[in-house]
Amino acid sequence: MATPNYGYEKRQRELAKKKKKEEKLRAKQAPARHGSVYVAPEPGDASASGESGNPATPAS
């Protein structure tokens, strides 16, 4: 009969713990990321160039 490979079993338990911990962290961060989504401004957008006001009206 083969002898048990305790090192392999320990490594599998450690990987399972790590995976569970990462899933918990991801679940905890998901609501925070879901509510505050950052949208990068378009390259031609007036807010990106620092101009203020309505881009449809000419600046005086």
PDB file of N, CA and C in Angstrom:
ATOM      1  N   MET A   1       0.831  -1.185   0.000  1.00  0.00           N
ATOM      2  CA  MET A   1       0.000   0.000   0.000  1.00  0.00           C
ATOM      3  C   MET A   1       0.878   1.252   0.000  1.00  0.00           C
ATOM      4  N   ALA A   2       0.434   2.276  -0.717  1.00  0.00           N
ATOM      5  CA  ALA A   2       1.204   3.510  -0.814  1.00  0.00           C
ATOM      6  C   ALA A   2       1.054   4.342   0.459  1.00  0.00           C
ATOM      7  N   THR A   3       2.103   5.079   0.764  1.00  0.00           N
ATOM      8  CA  THR A   3       2.052   5.941   1.954  1.00  0.00           C
ATOM      9  C   THR A   3       1.391   7.271   1.602  1.00  0.00           C
ATOM     10  N   PRO A   4       0.691   7.864   2.559  1.00  0.00           N
ATOM     11  CA  PRO A   4       0.024   9.144   2.283  1.00  0.00           C
ATOM     12  C   PRO A   4       1.045  10.256   2.049  1.00  0.00           C
ATOM     13  N   ASN A   5       0.713  11.128   1.128  1.00  0.00           N
ATOM     14  CA  ASN A   5       1.579  12.259   0.820  1.00  0.00           C
ATOM     15  C   ASN A   5       1.059  13.477   1.595  1.00  0.00           C
ATOM     16  N   TYR A   6       1.548  13.626   2.821  1.00  0.00           N
ATOM     17  CA  TYR A   6       1.051  14.686   3.694  1.00  0.00           C
ATOM     18  C   TYR A   6       1.389  16.083   3.162  1.00  0.00           C
ATOM     19  N   GLY A   7       2.512  16.210   2.506  1.00  0.00           N
ATOM     20  CA  GLY A   7       2.891  17.511   1.941  1.00  0.00           C
ATOM     21  C   GLY A   7       1.912  17.976   0.877  1.00  0.00           C
ATOM     22  N   TYR A   8       1.475  17.048   0.047  1.00  0.00           N
ATOM     23  CA  TYR A   8       0.498  17.379  -1.006  1.00  0.00           C
ATOM     24  C   TYR A   8      -0.831  17.787  -0.385  1.00  0.00           C
ATOM     25  N   GLU A   9      -1.270  17.007   0.620  1.00  0.00           N
ATOM     26  CA  GLU A   9      -2.541  17.321   1.279  1.00  0.00           C
ATOM     27  C   GLU A   9      -2.492  18.685   1.947  1.00  0.00           C
ATOM     28  N   LYS A  10      -1.377  18.995   2.591  1.00  0.00           N
ATOM     29  CA  LYS A  10      -1.224  20.291   3.257  1.00  0.00           C
ATOM     30  C   LYS A  10      -1.270  21.414   2.231  1.00  0.00           C
ATOM     31  N   ARG A  11      -0.597  21.231   1.119  1.00  0.00           N
ATOM     32  CA  ARG A  11      -0.577  22.252   0.062  1.00  0.00           C
ATOM     33  C   ARG A  11      -1.984  22.493  -0.486  1.00  0.00           C
ATOM     34  N   GLN A  12      -2.757  21.418  -0.651  1.00  0.00           N
ATOM     35  CA  GLN A  12      -4.124  21.557  -1.141  1.00  0.00           C
ATOM     36  C   GLN A  12      -4.993  22.331  -0.146  1.00  0.00           C
ATOM     37  N   ARG A  13      -4.803  22.059   1.156  1.00  0.00           N
ATOM     38  CA  ARG A  13      -5.560  22.793   2.177  1.00  0.00           C
ATOM     39  C   ARG A  13      -5.180  24.275   2.150  1.00  0.00           C
ATOM     40  N   GLU A  14      -3.883  24.563   2.018  1.00  0.00           N
ATOM     41  CA  GLU A  14      -3.425  25.956   1.966  1.00  0.00           C
ATOM     42  C   GLU A  14      -3.998  26.677   0.753  1.00  0.00           C
ATOM     43  N   LEU A  15      -4.021  26.012  -0.397  1.00  0.00           N
ATOM     44  CA  LEU A  15      -4.588  26.622  -1.602  1.00  0.00           C
ATOM     45  C   LEU A  15      -6.082  26.876  -1.435  1.00  0.00           C
ATOM     46  N   ALA A  16      -6.778  25.956  -0.794  1.00  0.00           N
ATOM     47  CA  ALA A  16      -8.212  26.133  -0.564  1.00  0.00           C
ATOM     48  C   ALA A  16      -8.461  27.326   0.358  1.00  0.00           C
ATOM     49  N   LYS A  17      -7.647  27.464   1.406  1.00  0.00           N
ATOM     50  CA  LYS A  17      -7.779  28.598   2.316  1.00  0.00           C
ATOM     51  C   LYS A  17      -7.521  29.913   1.587  1.00  0.00           C
ATOM     52  N   LYS A  18      -6.471  29.922   0.766  1.00  0.00           N
ATOM     53  CA  LYS A  18      -6.114  31.132   0.027  1.00  0.00           C
ATOM     54  C   LYS A  18      -7.235  31.525  -0.940  1.00  0.00           C
ATOM     55  N   LYS A  19      -7.803  30.534  -1.620  1.00  0.00           N
ATOM     56  CA  LYS A  19      -8.877  30.799  -2.565  1.00  0.00           C
ATOM     57  C   LYS A  19     -10.103  31.355  -1.846  1.00  0.00           C
ATOM     58  N   LYS A  20     -10.441  30.765  -0.706  1.00  0.00           N
ATOM     59  CA  LYS A  20     -11.595  31.218   0.062  1.00  0.00           C
ATOM     60  C   LYS A  20     -11.373  32.648   0.561  1.00  0.00           C
ATOM     61  N   LYS A  21     -10.173  32.940   1.018  1.00  0.00           N
ATOM     62  CA  LYS A  21      -9.844  34.282   1.512  1.00  0.00           C
ATOM     63  C   LYS A  21      -9.958  35.309   0.392  1.00  0.00           C
ATOM     64  N   GLU A  22      -9.448  34.972  -0.802  1.00  0.00           N
ATOM     65  CA  GLU A  22      -9.534  35.883  -1.941  1.00  0.00           C
ATOM     66  C   GLU A  22     -10.980  36.110  -2.367  1.00  0.00           C
ATOM     67  N   GLU A  23     -11.798  35.050  -2.325  1.00  0.00           N
ATOM     68  CA  GLU A  23     -13.209  35.192  -2.677  1.00  0.00           C
ATOM     69  C   GLU A  23     -13.933  36.101  -1.692  1.00  0.00           C
ATOM     70  N   LYS A  24     -13.619  35.968  -0.402  1.00  0.00           N
ATOM     71  CA  LYS A  24     -14.215  36.839   0.606  1.00  0.00           C
ATOM     72  C   LYS A  24     -13.821  38.284   0.361  1.00  0.00           C
ATOM     73  N   LEU A  25     -12.541  38.514   0.089  1.00  0.00           N
ATOM     74  CA  LEU A  25     -12.058  39.867  -0.162  1.00  0.00           C
ATOM     75  C   LEU A  25     -12.726  40.440  -1.404  1.00  0.00           C
ATOM     76  N   ARG A  26     -12.841  39.645  -2.457  1.00  0.00           N
ATOM     77  CA  ARG A  26     -13.484  40.084  -3.696  1.00  0.00           C
ATOM     78  C   ARG A  26     -14.958  40.422  -3.450  1.00  0.00           C
ATOM     79  N   ALA A  27     -15.641  39.598  -2.661  1.00  0.00           N
ATOM     80  CA  ALA A  27     -17.051  39.838  -2.348  1.00  0.00           C
ATOM     81  C   ALA A  27     -17.212  41.098  -1.511  1.00  0.00           C
ATOM     82  N   LYS A  28     -16.253  41.355  -0.641  1.00  0.00           N
ATOM     83  CA  LYS A  28     -16.321  42.539   0.205  1.00  0.00           C
ATOM     84  C   LYS A  28     -16.099  43.805  -0.632  1.00  0.00           C
ATOM     85  N   GLN A  29     -15.227  43.735  -1.639  1.00  0.00           N
ATOM     86  CA  GLN A  29     -14.914  44.892  -2.472  1.00  0.00           C
ATOM     87  C   GLN A  29     -15.943  45.121  -3.571  1.00  0.00           C
ATOM     88  N   ALA A  30     -16.685  44.114  -3.955  1.00  0.00           N
ATOM     89  CA  ALA A  30     -17.632  44.223  -5.067  1.00  0.00           C
ATOM     90  C   ALA A  30     -18.665  45.331  -4.862  1.00  0.00           C
ATOM     91  N   PRO A  31     -19.336  45.446  -3.708  1.00  0.00           N
ATOM     92  CA  PRO A  31     -20.310  46.533  -3.549  1.00  0.00           C
ATOM     93  C   PRO A  31     -19.652  47.911  -3.615  1.00  0.00           C
ATOM     94  N   ALA A  32     -18.446  48.042  -3.108  1.00  0.00           N
ATOM     95  CA  ALA A  32     -17.762  49.331  -3.141  1.00  0.00           C
ATOM     96  C   ALA A  32     -17.416  49.714  -4.576  1.00  0.00           C
ATOM     97  N   ARG A  33     -16.945  48.763  -5.366  1.00  0.00           N
ATOM     98  CA  ARG A  33     -16.599  49.061  -6.760  1.00  0.00           C
ATOM     99  C   ARG A  33     -17.842  49.261  -7.602  1.00  0.00           C
ATOM    100  N   HIS A  34     -18.917  48.581  -7.267  1.00  0.00           N
ATOM    101  CA  HIS A  34     -20.119  48.638  -8.094  1.00  0.00           C
ATOM    102  C   HIS A  34     -20.751  50.024  -8.040  1.00  0.00           C
ATOM    103  N   GLY A  35     -20.725  50.680  -6.881  1.00  0.00           N
ATOM    104  CA  GLY A  35     -21.368  51.975  -6.727  1.00  0.00           C
ATOM    105  C   GLY A  35     -20.529  53.126  -7.259  1.00  0.00           C
ATOM    106  N   SER A  36     -19.234  52.999  -7.253  1.00  0.00           N
ATOM    107  CA  SER A  36     -18.377  54.099  -7.667  1.00  0.00           C
ATOM    108  C   SER A  36     -17.552  53.695  -8.885  1.00  0.00           C
ATOM    109  N   VAL A  37     -18.170  53.770 -10.026  1.00  0.00           N
ATOM    110  CA  VAL A  37     -17.511  53.381 -11.270  1.00  0.00           C
ATOM    111  C   VAL A  37     -16.859  54.624 -11.862  1.00  0.00           C
ATOM    112  N   TYR A  38     -15.562  54.547 -12.124  1.00  0.00           N
ATOM    113  CA  TYR A  38     -14.845  55.665 -12.719  1.00  0.00           C
ATOM    114  C   TYR A  38     -14.938  55.566 -14.237  1.00  0.00           C
ATOM    115  N   VAL A  39     -15.376  56.648 -14.854  1.00  0.00           N
ATOM    116  CA  VAL A  39     -15.467  56.700 -16.304  1.00  0.00           C
ATOM    117  C   VAL A  39     -14.443  57.720 -16.781  1.00  0.00           C
ATOM    118  N   ALA A  40     -13.486  57.271 -17.566  1.00  0.00           N
ATOM    119  CA  ALA A  40     -12.455  58.163 -18.081  1.00  0.00           C
ATOM    120  C   ALA A  40     -13.063  59.107 -19.111  1.00  0.00           C
ATOM    121  N   PRO A  41     -12.682  60.379 -19.073  1.00  0.00           N
ATOM    122  CA  PRO A  41     -13.231  61.336 -20.050  1.00  0.00           C
ATOM    123  C   PRO A  41     -12.733  61.043 -21.461  1.00  0.00           C
ATOM    124  N   GLU A  42     -13.563  61.380 -22.425  1.00  0.00           N
ATOM    125  CA  GLU A  42     -13.196  61.214 -23.833  1.00  0.00           C
ATOM    126  C   GLU A  42     -12.031  62.155 -24.157  1.00  0.00           C
ATOM    127  N   PRO A  43     -11.164  61.798 -25.105  1.00  0.00           N
ATOM    128  CA  PRO A  43     -10.044  62.674 -25.454  1.00  0.00           C
ATOM    129  C   PRO A  43     -10.486  64.064 -25.922  1.00  0.00           C
ATOM    130  N   GLY A  44     -11.602  64.190 -26.606  1.00  0.00           N
ATOM    131  CA  GLY A  44     -12.059  65.477 -27.104  1.00  0.00           C
ATOM    132  C   GLY A  44     -13.008  66.185 -26.152  1.00  0.00           C
ATOM    133  N   ASP A  45     -13.208  65.618 -24.968  1.00  0.00           N
ATOM    134  CA  ASP A  45     -14.147  66.184 -24.007  1.00  0.00           C
ATOM    135  C   ASP A  45     -13.587  67.481 -23.423  1.00  0.00           C
ATOM    136  N   ALA A  46     -14.465  68.466 -23.187  1.00  0.00           N
ATOM    137  CA  ALA A  46     -14.046  69.764 -22.668  1.00  0.00           C
ATOM    138  C   ALA A  46     -13.501  69.647 -21.255  1.00  0.00           C
ATOM    139  N   SER A  47     -14.036  68.740 -20.456  1.00  0.00           N
ATOM    140  CA  SER A  47     -13.574  68.601 -19.075  1.00  0.00           C
ATOM    141  C   SER A  47     -12.150  68.054 -19.029  1.00  0.00           C
ATOM    142  N   ALA A  48     -11.745  67.300 -20.044  1.00  0.00           N
ATOM    143  CA  ALA A  48     -10.401  66.740 -20.071  1.00  0.00           C
ATOM    144  C   ALA A  48      -9.359  67.816 -20.337  1.00  0.00           C
ATOM    145  N   SER A  49      -9.725  68.870 -21.079  1.00  0.00           N
ATOM    146  CA  SER A  49      -8.757  69.906 -21.407  1.00  0.00           C
ATOM    147  C   SER A  49      -8.753  71.030 -20.383  1.00  0.00           C
ATOM    148  N   GLY A  50      -9.652  70.972 -19.386  1.00  0.00           N
ATOM    149  CA  GLY A  50      -9.653  71.964 -18.339  1.00  0.00           C
ATOM    150  C   GLY A  50     -10.579  73.123 -18.640  1.00  0.00           C
ATOM    151  N   GLU A  51     -11.280  73.119 -19.760  1.00  0.00           N
ATOM    152  CA  GLU A  51     -12.203  74.188 -20.091  1.00  0.00           C
ATOM    153  C   GLU A  51     -13.444  74.024 -19.247  1.00  0.00           C
ATOM    154  N   SER A  52     -14.104  75.135 -18.948  1.00  0.00           N
ATOM    155  CA  SER A  52     -15.337  75.059 -18.180  1.00  0.00           C
ATOM    156  C   SER A  52     -16.480  75.571 -19.034  1.00  0.00           C
ATOM    157  N   GLY A  53     -17.686  75.218 -18.617  1.00  0.00           N
ATOM    158  CA  GLY A  53     -18.854  75.680 -19.360  1.00  0.00           C
ATOM    159  C   GLY A  53     -19.318  74.654 -20.370  1.00  0.00           C
ATOM    160  N   ASN A  54     -20.315  75.038 -21.139  1.00  0.00           N
ATOM    161  CA  ASN A  54     -20.914  74.163 -22.144  1.00  0.00           C
ATOM    162  C   ASN A  54     -20.023  74.143 -23.382  1.00  0.00           C
ATOM    163  N   PRO A  55     -19.586  72.984 -23.853  1.00  0.00           N
ATOM    164  CA  PRO A  55     -18.713  72.945 -25.018  1.00  0.00           C
ATOM    165  C   PRO A  55     -19.433  73.359 -26.298  1.00  0.00           C
ATOM    166  N   ALA A  56     -20.771  73.410 -26.295  1.00  0.00           N
ATOM    167  CA  ALA A  56     -21.516  73.801 -27.483  1.00  0.00           C
ATOM    168  C   ALA A  56     -21.493  75.321 -27.674  1.00  0.00           C
ATOM    169  N   THR A  57     -21.291  76.089 -26.613  1.00  0.00           N
ATOM    170  CA  THR A  57     -21.254  77.545 -26.730  1.00  0.00           C
ATOM    171  C   THR A  57     -19.828  78.016 -26.841  1.00  0.00           C
ATOM    172  N   PRO A  58     -19.546  78.989 -27.682  1.00  0.00           N
ATOM    173  CA  PRO A  58     -18.178  79.501 -27.829  1.00  0.00           C
ATOM    174  C   PRO A  58     -17.742  80.285 -26.595  1.00  0.00           C
ATOM    175  N   ALA A  59     -16.480  80.200 -26.268  1.00  0.00           N
ATOM    176  CA  ALA A  59     -15.937  80.945 -25.130  1.00  0.00           C
ATOM    177  C   ALA A  59     -15.712  82.389 -25.522  1.00  0.00           C
ATOM    178  N   SER A  60     -15.962  83.328 -24.601  1.00  0.00           N
ATOM    179  CA  SER A  60     -15.795  84.758 -24.905  1.00  0.00           C
ATOM    180  C   SER A  60     -14.432  85.243 -24.565  1.00  0.00           C
TER     181      SER A  60
END
